[in-house]
């Protein structure tokens, strides 16, 4: 079986119909009731935070240009916000979802109506909690179909399905989070990966970001955390049962090394095997397989789906990503050298505010944040060296914001570093999609690397993984105020 990739961004799958009827933009309404509900997985029962009693949560179906109102009723025991991952929310950032960034959390016993404004998104996106680790169980799909008799740029599929990949911890997810936040060490790895909420039969007790891309045939798909991908599966094999399998790609030492499965079952009369043959997945640490899939994607780039990548850039930014260490009282933490893990961008570790940043901006509330986030890292060094001096391990704390002028054209180079350890790092931009114009291993060279940028048909994405010991360059137009 071959996967033919046609849209980009995520961890979901969509088919569709070839021609759609004339559609006027609609306002639809949905009701999300959040509760603590018992679920059984891996031979044990625990209460988890879910929407409408479902895990994963309900799928929202819409058409390009619609407006969706979701009434969120929080009957659970903790604060929550919901983010509509990949939806640009033009001129309406107040319902985008980041906790204390664009809105305050919805408290237990409270409710809030979130307005989701669709614009040019087509394909599969997803929604998820954006408050702590609640997203592990509070998530679902958003399926957006084209409007106005639009033709899909591929043949008519015979059916559609949504596949959501997730993780499961036997422990209470809040306890897992509280433990690593408290001791400063790494989080406990999950006990299983999930396909549509189920761990698959290898475990005990078991049963591109809404934008078109050129067709790409592949035997496997690489999906970074937060991405969605729409693809066509050509069912051209002998009728039988076939495994679908998923496992982690990881370059760090502490990760869930299990594999989750589901079964693709052909219709018809045949004798199914007692155990389907197992697919040949790339190695868990096969960086080349990972990047070779992701960076082969290309936009359609035709008159119906033009590419509008900025050619003349007004703002050039270089953001470094690092895993750092900070001291602990009495050297009591669980990180290396009894210190606390911290993540940083340009050597700044974000300090969450207690007032939403967007609210503080509009109401001119002082001392909530500063707009001094640097355009470049404070120190220039060999970012991807195997040995980095310890005086570069210490980050600064701050609630810093980078302010861009409306309609500015922006290039951001995301540079990985090997401080403590090199990792592949997922990047998601709220309120914008971006063109991925370049990538590479090692340190970004501002003189030579831009000469190899793809400014003809780069993929349009909202989430991308920066490769380990490497960099990724993106461009976009900053035309969505408040995000």
Protein backbone atom coordinates (compact mmCIF):
# COMPACT_ATOMS: atom_id res chain seq x y z
CA UNK A 1 0.00 0.00 0.00
CA UNK A 2 1.24 3.48 -0.83
CA UNK A 3 0.41 6.74 0.89
CA UNK A 4 -0.18 9.61 -1.54
CA UNK A 5 0.24 12.86 0.36
CA UNK A 6 -1.94 15.75 -0.70
CA UNK A 7 -2.38 18.19 2.19
CA UNK A 8 0.02 19.07 4.89
CA UNK A 9 0.16 19.53 8.57
CA UNK A 10 -0.74 17.02 11.30
CA UNK A 11 -1.67 13.75 12.72
CA UNK A 12 -4.99 13.18 11.01
CA UNK A 13 -6.30 11.64 7.78
CA UNK A 14 -9.05 12.85 5.41
CA UNK A 15 -10.62 11.81 2.17
CA UNK A 16 -13.58 13.68 0.71
CA UNK A 17 -15.77 14.08 -2.35
CA UNK A 18 -14.57 15.46 -5.63
CA UNK A 19 -17.06 18.27 -6.19
CA UNK A 20 -18.92 20.09 -3.43
CA UNK A 21 -22.22 21.98 -3.70
CA UNK A 22 -22.40 25.77 -3.58
CA UNK A 23 -21.85 26.87 0.00
CA UNK A 24 -22.48 30.15 1.75
CA UNK A 25 -20.44 30.80 4.88
CA UNK A 26 -22.30 29.54 7.93
CA UNK A 27 -22.23 30.10 11.66
CA UNK A 28 -22.46 26.75 13.44
CA UNK A 29 -22.61 26.08 17.16
CA UNK A 30 -21.18 23.23 19.23
CA UNK A 31 -21.31 22.36 22.92
CA UNK A 32 -18.19 21.12 24.72
CA UNK A 33 -18.82 19.85 28.25
CA UNK A 34 -15.59 19.07 30.10
CA UNK A 35 -15.73 16.44 32.84
CA UNK A 36 -13.48 14.08 34.77
CA UNK A 37 -14.57 10.68 33.40
CA UNK A 38 -13.29 7.13 34.14
CA UNK A 39 -11.60 5.23 31.28
CA UNK A 40 -9.89 1.82 31.22
CA UNK A 41 -6.66 1.22 29.29
CA UNK A 42 -3.75 -1.19 29.85
CA UNK A 43 -5.62 -3.23 32.48
CA UNK A 44 -6.29 -0.27 34.78
CA UNK A 45 -8.94 2.38 35.31
CA UNK A 46 -8.43 6.08 35.94
CA UNK A 47 -10.34 9.34 35.64
CA UNK A 48 -9.29 11.62 32.79
CA UNK A 49 -10.26 15.11 31.61
CA UNK A 50 -12.42 14.76 28.43
CA UNK A 51 -14.95 16.60 26.25
CA UNK A 52 -18.52 15.27 26.01
CA UNK A 53 -17.47 12.00 27.63
CA UNK A 54 -15.37 11.08 24.57
CA UNK A 55 -11.70 10.20 24.18
CA UNK A 56 -10.57 11.46 21.72
CA UNK A 57 -13.09 14.29 21.67
CA UNK A 58 -15.72 15.04 19.00
CA UNK A 59 -14.74 15.97 15.44
CA UNK A 60 -15.88 19.38 14.22
CA UNK A 61 -16.92 19.44 10.55
CA UNK A 62 -17.00 22.77 8.71
CA UNK A 63 -16.58 24.40 5.32
CA UNK A 64 -13.95 26.90 4.27
CA UNK A 65 -14.89 30.39 5.51
CA UNK A 66 -17.38 29.26 8.17
CA UNK A 67 -17.55 30.67 11.68
CA UNK A 68 -17.82 28.18 14.54
CA UNK A 69 -18.99 29.00 18.05
CA UNK A 70 -18.10 26.47 20.72
CA UNK A 71 -19.79 26.80 24.11
CA UNK A 72 -17.21 25.42 26.56
CA UNK A 73 -18.76 24.34 29.88
CA UNK A 74 -16.14 23.36 32.43
CA UNK A 75 -17.60 20.80 34.84
CA UNK A 76 -14.18 19.33 35.63
CA UNK A 77 -11.79 20.03 38.48
CA UNK A 78 -9.19 22.25 36.79
CA UNK A 79 -8.82 25.33 34.61
CA UNK A 80 -8.88 24.89 30.86
CA UNK A 81 -8.52 26.74 27.57
CA UNK A 82 -9.05 25.31 24.07
CA UNK A 83 -6.76 26.09 21.10
CA UNK A 84 -7.83 25.62 17.47
CA UNK A 85 -4.50 24.42 16.10
CA UNK A 86 -3.79 25.80 12.63
CA UNK A 87 -6.81 28.14 12.47
CA UNK A 88 -5.56 31.66 11.77
CA UNK A 89 -8.42 33.43 13.61
CA UNK A 90 -8.13 36.62 11.50
CA UNK A 91 -8.76 39.71 13.63
CA UNK A 92 -10.18 37.55 16.43
CA UNK A 93 -7.33 36.30 18.66
CA UNK A 94 -9.41 36.41 21.84
CA UNK A 95 -10.57 32.81 21.39
CA UNK A 96 -7.28 31.35 20.15
CA UNK A 97 -6.73 29.55 23.45
CA UNK A 98 -3.18 29.94 24.84
CA UNK A 99 -3.48 30.10 28.62
CA UNK A 100 -2.67 33.64 29.88
CA UNK A 101 -1.41 34.66 26.44
CA UNK A 102 -4.56 35.54 24.48
CA UNK A 103 -7.16 34.62 27.12
CA UNK A 104 -7.63 33.72 30.74
CA UNK A 105 -8.50 30.10 31.61
CA UNK A 106 -12.07 28.87 32.01
CA UNK A 107 -12.37 27.99 35.68
CA UNK A 108 -14.21 24.93 37.08
CA UNK A 109 -17.93 25.64 37.21
CA UNK A 110 -17.63 28.37 34.55
CA UNK A 111 -18.34 28.56 30.83
CA UNK A 112 -17.09 30.58 27.88
CA UNK A 113 -18.16 30.76 24.23
CA UNK A 114 -15.16 30.53 21.92
CA UNK A 115 -15.51 31.91 18.39
CA UNK A 116 -13.47 30.21 15.66
CA UNK A 117 -13.13 32.21 12.45
CA UNK A 118 -12.12 30.10 9.44
CA UNK A 119 -10.53 31.82 6.46
CA UNK A 120 -8.58 29.93 3.77
CA UNK A 121 -7.91 26.72 5.73
CA UNK A 122 -8.81 23.48 3.88
CA UNK A 123 -8.23 19.97 5.17
CA UNK A 124 -7.67 18.53 8.62
CA UNK A 125 -6.62 20.50 11.69
CA UNK A 126 -7.14 19.74 15.37
CA UNK A 127 -8.27 21.33 18.60
CA UNK A 128 -6.74 20.71 22.01
CA UNK A 129 -6.52 22.04 25.54
CA UNK A 130 -3.86 24.73 25.85
CA UNK A 131 -3.52 24.65 29.62
CA UNK A 132 -0.75 22.47 31.03
CA UNK A 133 -0.85 18.78 30.01
CA UNK A 134 -4.64 18.56 29.69
CA UNK A 135 -4.15 18.25 25.92
CA UNK A 136 -3.10 14.62 26.48
CA UNK A 137 -6.81 13.74 26.75
CA UNK A 138 -8.63 16.92 25.68
CA UNK A 139 -8.25 16.93 21.90
CA UNK A 140 -10.06 16.15 18.65
CA UNK A 141 -10.11 16.84 14.91
CA UNK A 142 -11.36 19.72 12.77
CA UNK A 143 -12.25 18.72 9.18
CA UNK A 144 -12.65 21.66 6.77
CA UNK A 145 -13.97 21.09 3.24
CA UNK A 146 -13.56 23.50 0.30
CA UNK A 147 -16.42 25.81 -0.65
CA UNK A 148 -18.19 26.90 -3.83
CA UNK A 149 -17.96 23.82 -6.06
CA UNK A 150 -14.21 23.61 -5.54
CA UNK A 151 -12.42 20.65 -7.08
CA UNK A 152 -9.88 18.72 -5.08
CA UNK A 153 -6.56 18.39 -6.97
CA UNK A 154 -6.74 14.58 -6.87
CA UNK A 155 -9.08 11.80 -7.88
CA UNK A 156 -12.30 11.09 -6.04
CA UNK A 157 -11.61 9.02 -2.89
CA UNK A 158 -14.00 6.23 -1.98
CA UNK A 159 -14.21 7.00 1.73
CA UNK A 160 -12.68 8.95 4.56
CA UNK A 161 -11.46 8.33 8.10
CA UNK A 162 -9.78 10.32 10.83
CA UNK A 163 -6.76 8.91 12.66
CA UNK A 164 -5.50 10.56 15.85
CA UNK A 165 -2.18 9.56 17.38
CA UNK A 166 -1.72 10.11 21.10
CA UNK A 167 -0.10 8.81 24.29
CA UNK A 168 -1.31 7.14 27.49
CA UNK A 169 0.11 7.23 31.00
CA UNK A 170 -1.11 4.76 33.61
CA UNK A 171 -0.50 7.46 36.21
CA UNK A 172 -2.70 10.52 36.50
CA UNK A 173 -1.41 12.96 33.89
CA UNK A 174 -1.55 15.84 36.37
CA UNK A 175 0.62 13.86 38.78
CA UNK A 176 3.15 13.20 35.99
CA UNK A 177 3.32 16.92 35.24
CA UNK A 178 3.50 17.99 38.88
CA UNK A 179 6.32 15.53 39.54
CA UNK A 180 8.70 16.79 36.85
CA UNK A 181 7.82 20.43 37.51
CA UNK A 182 8.50 19.85 41.18
CA UNK A 183 11.76 17.94 40.94
CA UNK A 184 13.20 19.71 37.90
CA UNK A 185 13.96 16.46 36.08
CA UNK A 186 12.61 14.89 32.92
CA UNK A 187 8.98 13.75 32.64
CA UNK A 188 8.17 10.06 32.98
CA UNK A 189 7.70 8.51 29.55
CA UNK A 190 4.25 7.37 28.49
CA UNK A 191 3.21 3.73 28.88
CA UNK A 192 1.68 3.42 25.40
CA UNK A 193 1.00 5.20 22.14
CA UNK A 194 -2.61 5.39 20.97
CA UNK A 195 -4.47 5.30 17.67
CA UNK A 196 -7.90 6.90 18.09
CA UNK A 197 -7.66 6.42 21.85
CA UNK A 198 -6.71 2.72 21.77
CA UNK A 199 -3.23 1.23 22.36
CA UNK A 200 -3.48 -1.65 19.86
CA UNK A 201 -2.96 -5.38 20.25
CA UNK A 202 0.77 -5.32 21.04
CA UNK A 203 -0.05 -4.02 24.53
CA UNK A 204 -1.71 -6.02 27.33
CA UNK A 205 -5.51 -5.76 27.77
CA UNK A 206 -5.97 -4.05 24.43
CA UNK A 207 -8.30 -3.79 21.49
CA UNK A 208 0.09 19.23 6.25
CA UNK A 209 -1.50 21.84 7.87
CA UNK A 210 -4.71 22.45 5.95
CA UNK A 211 -2.92 23.40 2.75
CA UNK A 212 -2.49 21.40 -0.45
CA UNK A 213 0.86 19.93 -1.47
CA UNK A 214 2.12 18.23 -4.62
CA UNK A 215 1.46 14.46 -4.65
CA UNK A 216 4.15 12.49 -2.84
CA UNK A 217 4.25 8.69 -2.64
CA UNK A 218 5.72 7.13 0.47
CA UNK A 219 5.57 3.90 2.47
CA UNK A 220 5.65 5.82 5.76
CA UNK A 221 4.68 9.20 7.17
CA UNK A 222 6.66 11.32 9.62
CA UNK A 223 4.46 13.51 11.81
CA UNK A 224 5.89 15.81 14.46
CA UNK A 225 3.91 16.65 17.62
CA UNK A 226 1.00 18.93 16.74
CA UNK A 227 1.04 18.34 12.98
CA UNK A 228 -1.82 17.11 10.83
CA UNK A 229 -1.47 15.37 7.48
CA UNK A 230 -4.22 14.51 5.01
CA UNK A 231 -3.30 11.63 2.74
CA UNK A 232 -4.82 9.16 0.29
CA UNK A 233 -4.33 5.46 0.95
CA UNK A 234 -4.47 3.36 -2.22
CA UNK A 235 -5.99 0.01 -1.18
CA UNK A 236 -4.35 -2.08 -3.91
CA UNK A 237 -3.30 -5.17 -1.95
CA UNK A 238 -4.81 -8.66 -1.82
CA UNK A 239 -7.92 -8.50 0.42
CA UNK A 240 -6.84 -9.34 3.96
CA UNK A 241 -5.97 -7.66 7.26
CA UNK A 242 -2.99 -5.29 7.37
CA UNK A 243 -1.32 -3.58 10.29
CA UNK A 244 -1.09 0.18 10.58
CA UNK A 245 1.75 0.88 13.04
CA UNK A 246 3.17 3.97 14.72
CA UNK A 247 6.13 4.54 17.00
CA UNK A 248 8.27 7.40 18.18
CA UNK A 249 11.14 8.98 16.35
CA UNK A 250 13.55 10.04 19.08
CA UNK A 251 17.16 11.09 19.43
CA UNK A 252 17.13 11.59 23.20
CA UNK A 253 17.60 8.69 25.61
CA UNK A 254 14.37 8.87 27.63
CA UNK A 255 11.35 8.06 25.43
CA UNK A 256 8.52 5.57 24.95
CA UNK A 257 10.00 2.85 22.73
CA UNK A 258 6.74 0.95 22.22
CA UNK A 259 4.72 0.57 19.02
CA UNK A 260 0.97 1.04 18.66
CA UNK A 261 -1.11 -0.68 15.98
CA UNK A 262 -4.48 -0.69 14.28
CA UNK A 263 -5.78 -2.96 11.53
CA UNK A 264 -6.83 -2.00 8.00
CA UNK A 265 -9.48 -4.54 7.05
CA UNK A 266 -10.56 -5.14 3.45
CA UNK A 267 -14.18 -5.95 2.68
CA UNK A 268 -15.04 -9.28 1.08
CA UNK A 269 -14.86 -13.03 1.73
CA UNK A 270 -11.40 -14.29 2.67
CA UNK A 271 -9.62 -15.99 5.55
CA UNK A 272 -7.88 -13.37 7.65
CA UNK A 273 -4.44 -14.21 9.10
CA UNK A 274 -4.23 -14.80 12.83
CA UNK A 275 -1.58 -12.10 12.95
CA UNK A 276 -1.08 -9.62 10.08
CA UNK A 277 2.44 -9.10 8.77
CA UNK A 278 4.18 -6.20 10.46
CA UNK A 279 5.09 -3.11 8.38
CA UNK A 280 8.71 -2.09 7.94
CA UNK A 281 9.08 1.15 9.91
CA UNK A 282 12.24 3.29 9.86
CA UNK A 283 14.47 2.99 12.92
CA UNK A 284 13.41 4.98 15.98
CA UNK A 285 16.49 7.23 15.60
CA UNK A 286 16.58 7.40 11.79
CA UNK A 287 16.97 11.15 11.36
CA UNK A 288 17.46 10.88 7.59
CA UNK A 289 14.14 9.04 7.16
CA UNK A 290 12.41 11.70 9.25
CA UNK A 291 13.73 14.76 7.44
CA UNK A 292 13.65 13.17 3.98
CA UNK A 293 9.90 12.73 4.28
CA UNK A 294 9.11 16.16 5.74
CA UNK A 295 11.35 18.22 3.51
CA UNK A 296 10.27 16.57 0.24
CA UNK A 297 6.87 18.23 0.55
CA UNK A 298 6.07 20.98 -1.96
CA UNK A 299 3.14 23.35 -2.50
CA UNK A 300 1.02 22.92 -5.61
CA UNK A 301 2.07 26.35 -6.86
CA UNK A 302 -0.45 26.66 -9.70
CA UNK A 303 -3.03 29.27 -10.70
CA UNK A 304 -5.71 27.72 -8.49
CA UNK A 305 -3.39 27.36 -5.49
CA UNK A 306 -0.71 30.03 -5.93
CA UNK A 307 2.37 30.41 -3.75
CA UNK A 308 2.75 33.83 -2.14
CA UNK A 309 6.06 33.42 -0.36
CA UNK A 310 7.60 36.80 0.60
CA UNK A 311 10.58 37.60 -1.61
CA UNK A 312 11.62 40.85 0.09
CA UNK A 313 11.97 40.44 3.85
CA UNK A 314 11.68 43.37 6.29
CA UNK A 315 12.39 41.44 9.51
CA UNK A 316 15.04 38.72 9.80
CA UNK A 317 15.05 36.80 13.08
CA UNK A 318 17.29 34.02 14.39
CA UNK A 319 15.81 32.00 17.27
CA UNK A 320 17.95 29.40 19.04
CA UNK A 321 16.33 26.56 21.00
CA UNK A 322 18.13 25.05 23.96
CA UNK A 323 17.73 22.71 26.90
CA UNK A 324 19.33 24.48 29.86
CA UNK A 325 19.95 24.01 33.56
CA UNK A 326 19.23 26.32 36.48
CA UNK A 327 20.34 25.90 40.11
CA UNK A 328 18.09 24.25 42.70
CA UNK A 329 18.00 24.99 46.45
CA UNK A 330 20.44 22.64 48.20
CA UNK A 331 21.14 20.91 44.85
CA UNK A 332 17.93 18.95 45.37
CA UNK A 333 16.56 18.63 41.82
CA UNK A 334 16.46 15.55 39.58
CA UNK A 335 18.19 17.02 36.53
CA UNK A 336 21.90 16.63 35.72
CA UNK A 337 24.20 17.89 38.49
CA UNK A 338 21.09 17.97 40.76
CA UNK A 339 19.82 21.03 38.88
CA UNK A 340 16.55 21.86 37.10
CA UNK A 341 15.86 21.45 33.38
CA UNK A 342 14.76 24.61 31.58
CA UNK A 343 13.96 25.27 27.93
CA UNK A 344 14.88 28.58 26.33
CA UNK A 345 14.58 30.58 23.11
CA UNK A 346 17.47 32.98 22.53
CA UNK A 347 18.55 32.09 26.07
CA UNK A 348 15.28 33.31 27.62
CA UNK A 349 13.07 30.96 29.62
CA UNK A 350 9.45 32.11 29.45
CA UNK A 351 7.81 33.03 32.75
CA UNK A 352 4.00 32.63 32.51
CA UNK A 353 2.10 35.77 33.55
CA UNK A 354 -0.98 35.89 35.77
CA UNK A 355 -2.80 38.28 33.40
CA UNK A 356 -3.33 37.43 29.73
CA UNK A 357 -0.73 39.23 27.61
CA UNK A 358 -3.28 40.24 24.96
CA UNK A 359 -5.50 41.74 27.65
CA UNK A 360 -2.55 43.61 29.13
CA UNK A 361 -1.65 44.97 25.69
CA UNK A 362 -5.14 46.26 24.88
CA UNK A 363 -5.83 47.61 28.36
CA UNK A 364 -2.29 48.98 28.76
CA UNK A 365 -1.68 47.13 32.00
CA UNK A 366 1.90 47.66 33.06
CA UNK A 367 4.48 45.17 34.32
CA UNK A 368 2.86 42.09 32.75
CA UNK A 369 5.39 41.67 29.93
CA UNK A 370 8.10 43.56 28.10
CA UNK A 371 8.62 43.85 24.34
CA UNK A 372 12.37 43.30 24.51
CA UNK A 373 12.54 39.80 23.07
CA UNK A 374 15.78 39.75 21.05
CA UNK A 375 15.88 39.23 17.30
CA UNK A 376 19.07 37.20 17.66
CA UNK A 377 20.66 35.09 20.40
CA UNK A 378 22.77 37.03 22.93
CA UNK A 379 25.85 34.93 22.18
CA UNK A 380 27.21 33.57 18.92
CA UNK A 381 28.90 30.19 19.29
CA UNK A 382 29.09 26.81 17.59
CA UNK A 383 25.45 25.92 18.34
CA UNK A 384 25.71 22.30 17.22
CA UNK A 385 29.08 21.42 18.72
CA UNK A 386 29.23 18.25 20.80
CA UNK A 387 30.97 20.20 23.58
CA UNK A 388 29.51 23.55 24.70
CA UNK A 389 31.02 25.49 27.64
CA UNK A 390 28.98 25.39 30.85
CA UNK A 391 28.86 29.19 31.07
CA UNK A 392 26.38 29.01 28.17
CA UNK A 393 24.05 26.63 30.01
CA UNK A 394 22.34 29.28 32.18
CA UNK A 395 19.23 30.97 30.70
CA UNK A 396 17.62 34.25 31.72
CA UNK A 397 14.01 34.33 32.95
CA UNK A 398 11.49 36.71 31.40
CA UNK A 399 8.03 37.36 30.01
CA UNK A 400 9.22 38.82 26.74
CA UNK A 401 7.30 39.59 23.54
CA UNK A 402 8.53 40.22 19.99
CA UNK A 403 6.42 42.96 18.36
CA UNK A 404 6.11 43.01 14.56
CA UNK A 405 4.67 45.80 12.43
CA UNK A 406 1.44 45.05 10.60
CA UNK A 407 2.06 43.68 7.08
CA UNK A 408 5.78 43.24 7.69
CA UNK A 409 7.38 40.32 5.86
CA UNK A 410 9.22 38.07 8.25
CA UNK A 411 11.91 35.40 8.03
CA UNK A 412 12.62 33.30 11.10
CA UNK A 413 15.48 30.83 11.22
CA UNK A 414 14.93 28.30 14.00
CA UNK A 415 18.34 27.02 15.08
CA UNK A 416 18.74 23.96 17.27
CA UNK A 417 21.55 23.86 19.81
CA UNK A 418 23.35 21.03 21.58
CA UNK A 419 23.41 22.63 25.00
CA UNK A 420 23.00 19.60 27.28
CA UNK A 421 21.65 17.56 24.33
CA UNK A 422 20.47 18.08 20.79
CA UNK A 423 16.82 17.30 20.07
CA UNK A 424 14.43 17.71 17.17
CA UNK A 425 12.05 20.47 18.22
CA UNK A 426 8.46 21.02 16.98
CA UNK A 427 7.52 24.64 16.23
CA UNK A 428 3.93 25.88 15.87
CA UNK A 429 2.97 29.46 14.98
CA UNK A 430 -0.38 30.75 16.23
CA UNK A 431 -2.44 32.94 13.92
CA UNK A 432 -0.26 32.37 10.85
CA UNK A 433 0.83 29.74 8.41
CA UNK A 434 4.36 29.97 7.08
CA UNK A 435 6.35 28.83 4.07
CA UNK A 436 9.21 26.45 4.87
CA UNK A 437 11.87 27.85 2.55
CA UNK A 438 14.98 26.05 3.78
CA UNK A 439 16.58 23.67 6.24
CA UNK A 440 19.89 22.02 6.95
CA UNK A 441 22.17 20.37 9.48
CA UNK A 442 24.79 22.27 11.47
CA UNK A 443 24.82 26.02 12.03
CA UNK A 444 22.83 28.35 9.76
CA UNK A 445 25.09 30.43 7.51
CA UNK A 446 23.45 33.74 6.66
CA UNK A 447 25.70 34.24 3.62
CA UNK A 448 25.43 30.89 1.86
CA UNK A 449 22.32 29.03 3.07
CA UNK A 450 19.75 31.54 1.70
CA UNK A 451 21.18 30.92 -1.78
CA UNK A 452 19.56 27.47 -1.65
CA UNK A 453 16.13 28.60 -0.40
CA UNK A 454 13.07 27.23 -2.20
CA UNK A 455 11.09 30.34 -3.14
CA UNK A 456 9.17 28.60 -5.96
CA UNK A 457 6.97 25.95 -4.32
CA UNK A 458 7.77 25.75 -0.57
CA UNK A 459 5.14 23.97 1.56
CA UNK A 460 2.72 26.13 3.55
CA UNK A 461 2.59 24.85 7.14
CA UNK A 462 1.71 25.90 10.67
CA UNK A 463 3.84 23.29 12.47
CA UNK A 464 7.32 22.01 11.64
CA UNK A 465 10.04 20.00 13.38
CA UNK A 466 13.49 21.58 13.46
CA UNK A 467 15.94 18.70 12.85
CA UNK A 468 18.36 17.67 15.56
CA UNK A 469 21.64 19.62 15.27
CA UNK A 470 20.10 21.66 12.46
CA UNK A 471 17.98 24.61 11.42
CA UNK A 472 14.78 25.46 9.56
CA UNK A 473 13.94 28.76 7.82
CA UNK A 474 10.36 29.99 7.39
CA UNK A 475 8.78 33.10 5.89
CA UNK A 476 5.36 34.71 6.35
CA UNK A 477 3.51 38.01 6.19
CA UNK A 478 2.52 39.40 9.60
CA UNK A 479 -1.04 40.39 8.66
CA UNK A 480 -3.05 39.03 11.61
CA UNK A 481 -2.90 41.49 14.53
CA UNK A 482 -3.05 40.18 18.08
CA UNK A 483 -1.56 36.73 17.44
